[in-house]
Amino acid sequence: MIWPTDELTRFEVARLVGARSLQISLGAPILIQSEEKDPIEVAKLEFKNNIIPITIKRKFPSGEYIVIDVKAGIENWIKSHSGEI
């Protein structure tokens, strides 16, 4: 089965939030106005507002890569999981 390119797996969501929180903790600019100081919580807020500036390339066993539509994936995740991460 090939996973749709506009849906994220739970592993991709964890990777997005984790990678973005690492970027924030290392001094990357925060893309959302918030009083929150914890990098993980800031990354979750950015995820919920669909402004995470990261691209996902999904690799298949054949060695082929496809680029995932992260914006549509986040929107679908929020709809199907009631906004929970």
C-alpha atoms as a PDB file:
ATOM      1  CA  MET A   1       0.000   0.000   0.000  1.00  0.00           C
ATOM      2  CA  ILE A   2       1.259   3.465  -0.854  1.00  0.00           C
ATOM      3  CA  TRP A   3       0.359   6.131   1.671  1.00  0.00           C
ATOM      4  CA  PRO A   4      -1.370   9.181   0.087  1.00  0.00           C
ATOM      5  CA  THR A   5       0.850  12.212  -0.480  1.00  0.00           C
ATOM      6  CA  ASP A   6      -1.584  14.545   1.308  1.00  0.00           C
ATOM      7  CA  GLU A   7      -1.700  12.548   4.558  1.00  0.00           C
ATOM      8  CA  LEU A   8       0.993  12.371   7.214  1.00  0.00           C
ATOM      9  CA  THR A   9       1.881   9.328   9.260  1.00  0.00           C
ATOM     10  CA  ARG A  10       2.195   9.665  13.027  1.00  0.00           C
ATOM     11  CA  PHE A  11       5.941   9.240  12.602  1.00  0.00           C
ATOM     12  CA  GLU A  12       6.123  12.144  10.156  1.00  0.00           C
ATOM     13  CA  VAL A  13       4.129  14.349  12.545  1.00  0.00           C
ATOM     14  CA  ALA A  14       6.503  13.482  15.386  1.00  0.00           C
ATOM     15  CA  ARG A  15       9.483  14.167  13.136  1.00  0.00           C
ATOM     16  CA  LEU A  16       8.062  17.533  12.008  1.00  0.00           C
ATOM     17  CA  VAL A  17       7.396  18.755  15.534  1.00  0.00           C
ATOM     18  CA  GLY A  18      10.681  17.366  16.859  1.00  0.00           C
ATOM     19  CA  ALA A  19      12.812  18.816  14.060  1.00  0.00           C
ATOM     20  CA  ARG A  20      11.112  22.204  14.308  1.00  0.00           C
ATOM     21  CA  SER A  21      11.519  22.315  18.100  1.00  0.00           C
ATOM     22  CA  LEU A  22      15.228  21.530  17.679  1.00  0.00           C
ATOM     23  CA  GLN A  23      15.539  24.375  15.181  1.00  0.00           C
ATOM     24  CA  ILE A  24      13.819  26.751  17.618  1.00  0.00           C
ATOM     25  CA  SER A  25      16.020  25.663  20.530  1.00  0.00           C
ATOM     26  CA  LEU A  26      19.097  26.343  18.387  1.00  0.00           C
ATOM     27  CA  GLY A  27      17.965  29.908  17.659  1.00  0.00           C
ATOM     28  CA  ALA A  28      15.776  29.713  14.545  1.00  0.00           C
ATOM     29  CA  PRO A  29      13.201  32.490  14.284  1.00  0.00           C
ATOM     30  CA  ILE A  30       9.791  31.702  15.757  1.00  0.00           C
ATOM     31  CA  LEU A  31       7.067  32.070  13.127  1.00  0.00           C
ATOM     32  CA  ILE A  32       4.130  32.626  15.483  1.00  0.00           C
ATOM     33  CA  GLN A  33       3.354  35.164  18.182  1.00  0.00           C
ATOM     34  CA  SER A  34       3.142  33.386  21.522  1.00  0.00           C
ATOM     35  CA  GLU A  35       4.026  33.811  25.157  1.00  0.00           C
ATOM     36  CA  GLU A  36       5.171  30.163  25.196  1.00  0.00           C
ATOM     37  CA  LYS A  37       8.898  29.655  25.789  1.00  0.00           C
ATOM     38  CA  ASP A  38       9.183  25.852  25.527  1.00  0.00           C
ATOM     39  CA  PRO A  39      10.458  24.975  21.997  1.00  0.00           C
ATOM     40  CA  ILE A  40       8.255  21.867  21.796  1.00  0.00           C
ATOM     41  CA  GLU A  41       5.103  23.814  22.640  1.00  0.00           C
ATOM     42  CA  VAL A  42       6.043  26.549  20.150  1.00  0.00           C
ATOM     43  CA  ALA A  43       6.574  23.897  17.459  1.00  0.00           C
ATOM     44  CA  LYS A  44       3.165  22.388  18.281  1.00  0.00           C
ATOM     45  CA  LEU A  45       1.542  25.812  17.936  1.00  0.00           C
ATOM     46  CA  GLU A  46       3.256  26.314  14.580  1.00  0.00           C
ATOM     47  CA  PHE A  47       2.007  22.875  13.516  1.00  0.00           C
ATOM     48  CA  LYS A  48      -1.562  23.684  14.550  1.00  0.00           C
ATOM     49  CA  ASN A  49      -1.361  26.952  12.583  1.00  0.00           C
ATOM     50  CA  ASN A  50       0.127  25.145   9.555  1.00  0.00           C
ATOM     51  CA  ILE A  51       3.294  27.232   9.303  1.00  0.00           C
ATOM     52  CA  ILE A  52       6.081  24.683   9.748  1.00  0.00           C
ATOM     53  CA  PRO A  53       8.770  25.436   7.120  1.00  0.00           C
ATOM     54  CA  ILE A  54       9.948  21.853   6.595  1.00  0.00           C
ATOM     55  CA  THR A  55       9.712  19.559   3.565  1.00  0.00           C
ATOM     56  CA  ILE A  56       9.196  15.802   3.815  1.00  0.00           C
ATOM     57  CA  LYS A  57      10.677  13.396   1.277  1.00  0.00           C
ATOM     58  CA  ARG A  58       9.214   9.908   1.611  1.00  0.00           C
ATOM     59  CA  LYS A  59      11.487   7.067   0.483  1.00  0.00           C
ATOM     60  CA  PHE A  60      10.139   3.826  -0.979  1.00  0.00           C
ATOM     61  CA  PRO A  61      11.821   0.403  -0.854  1.00  0.00           C
ATOM     62  CA  SER A  62      12.627   0.800  -4.554  1.00  0.00           C
ATOM     63  CA  GLY A  63      14.833   3.786  -3.677  1.00  0.00           C
ATOM     64  CA  GLU A  64      12.410   6.274  -5.216  1.00  0.00           C
ATOM     65  CA  TYR A  65      11.532   9.483  -3.325  1.00  0.00           C
ATOM     66  CA  ILE A  66       8.386  11.583  -3.401  1.00  0.00           C
ATOM     67  CA  VAL A  67       7.898  15.005  -1.871  1.00  0.00           C
ATOM     68  CA  ILE A  68       4.942  15.249   0.490  1.00  0.00           C
ATOM     69  CA  ASP A  69       2.537  18.210   0.462  1.00  0.00           C
ATOM     70  CA  VAL A  70       3.108  19.214   4.092  1.00  0.00           C
ATOM     71  CA  LYS A  71       0.486  21.989   4.174  1.00  0.00           C
ATOM     72  CA  ALA A  72      -2.293  19.655   2.973  1.00  0.00           C
ATOM     73  CA  GLY A  73      -0.976  16.897   5.248  1.00  0.00           C
ATOM     74  CA  ILE A  74      -1.161  19.114   8.315  1.00  0.00           C
ATOM     75  CA  GLU A  75      -4.677  20.266   7.401  1.00  0.00           C
ATOM     76  CA  ASN A  76      -5.815  16.657   6.997  1.00  0.00           C
ATOM     77  CA  TRP A  77      -4.135  15.637  10.268  1.00  0.00           C
ATOM     78  CA  ILE A  78      -5.849  18.451  12.191  1.00  0.00           C
ATOM     79  CA  LYS A  79      -9.246  17.569  10.690  1.00  0.00           C
ATOM     80  CA  SER A  80      -8.961  13.836  11.372  1.00  0.00           C
ATOM     81  CA  HIS A  81      -7.458  14.185  14.872  1.00  0.00           C
ATOM     82  CA  SER A  82      -9.580  17.104  16.152  1.00  0.00           C
ATOM     83  CA  GLY A  83      -6.547  19.392  16.332  1.00  0.00           C
ATOM     84  CA  GLU A  84      -4.591  17.111  18.665  1.00  0.00           C
ATOM     85  CA  ILE A  85      -0.942  16.317  18.139  1.00  0.00           C
END
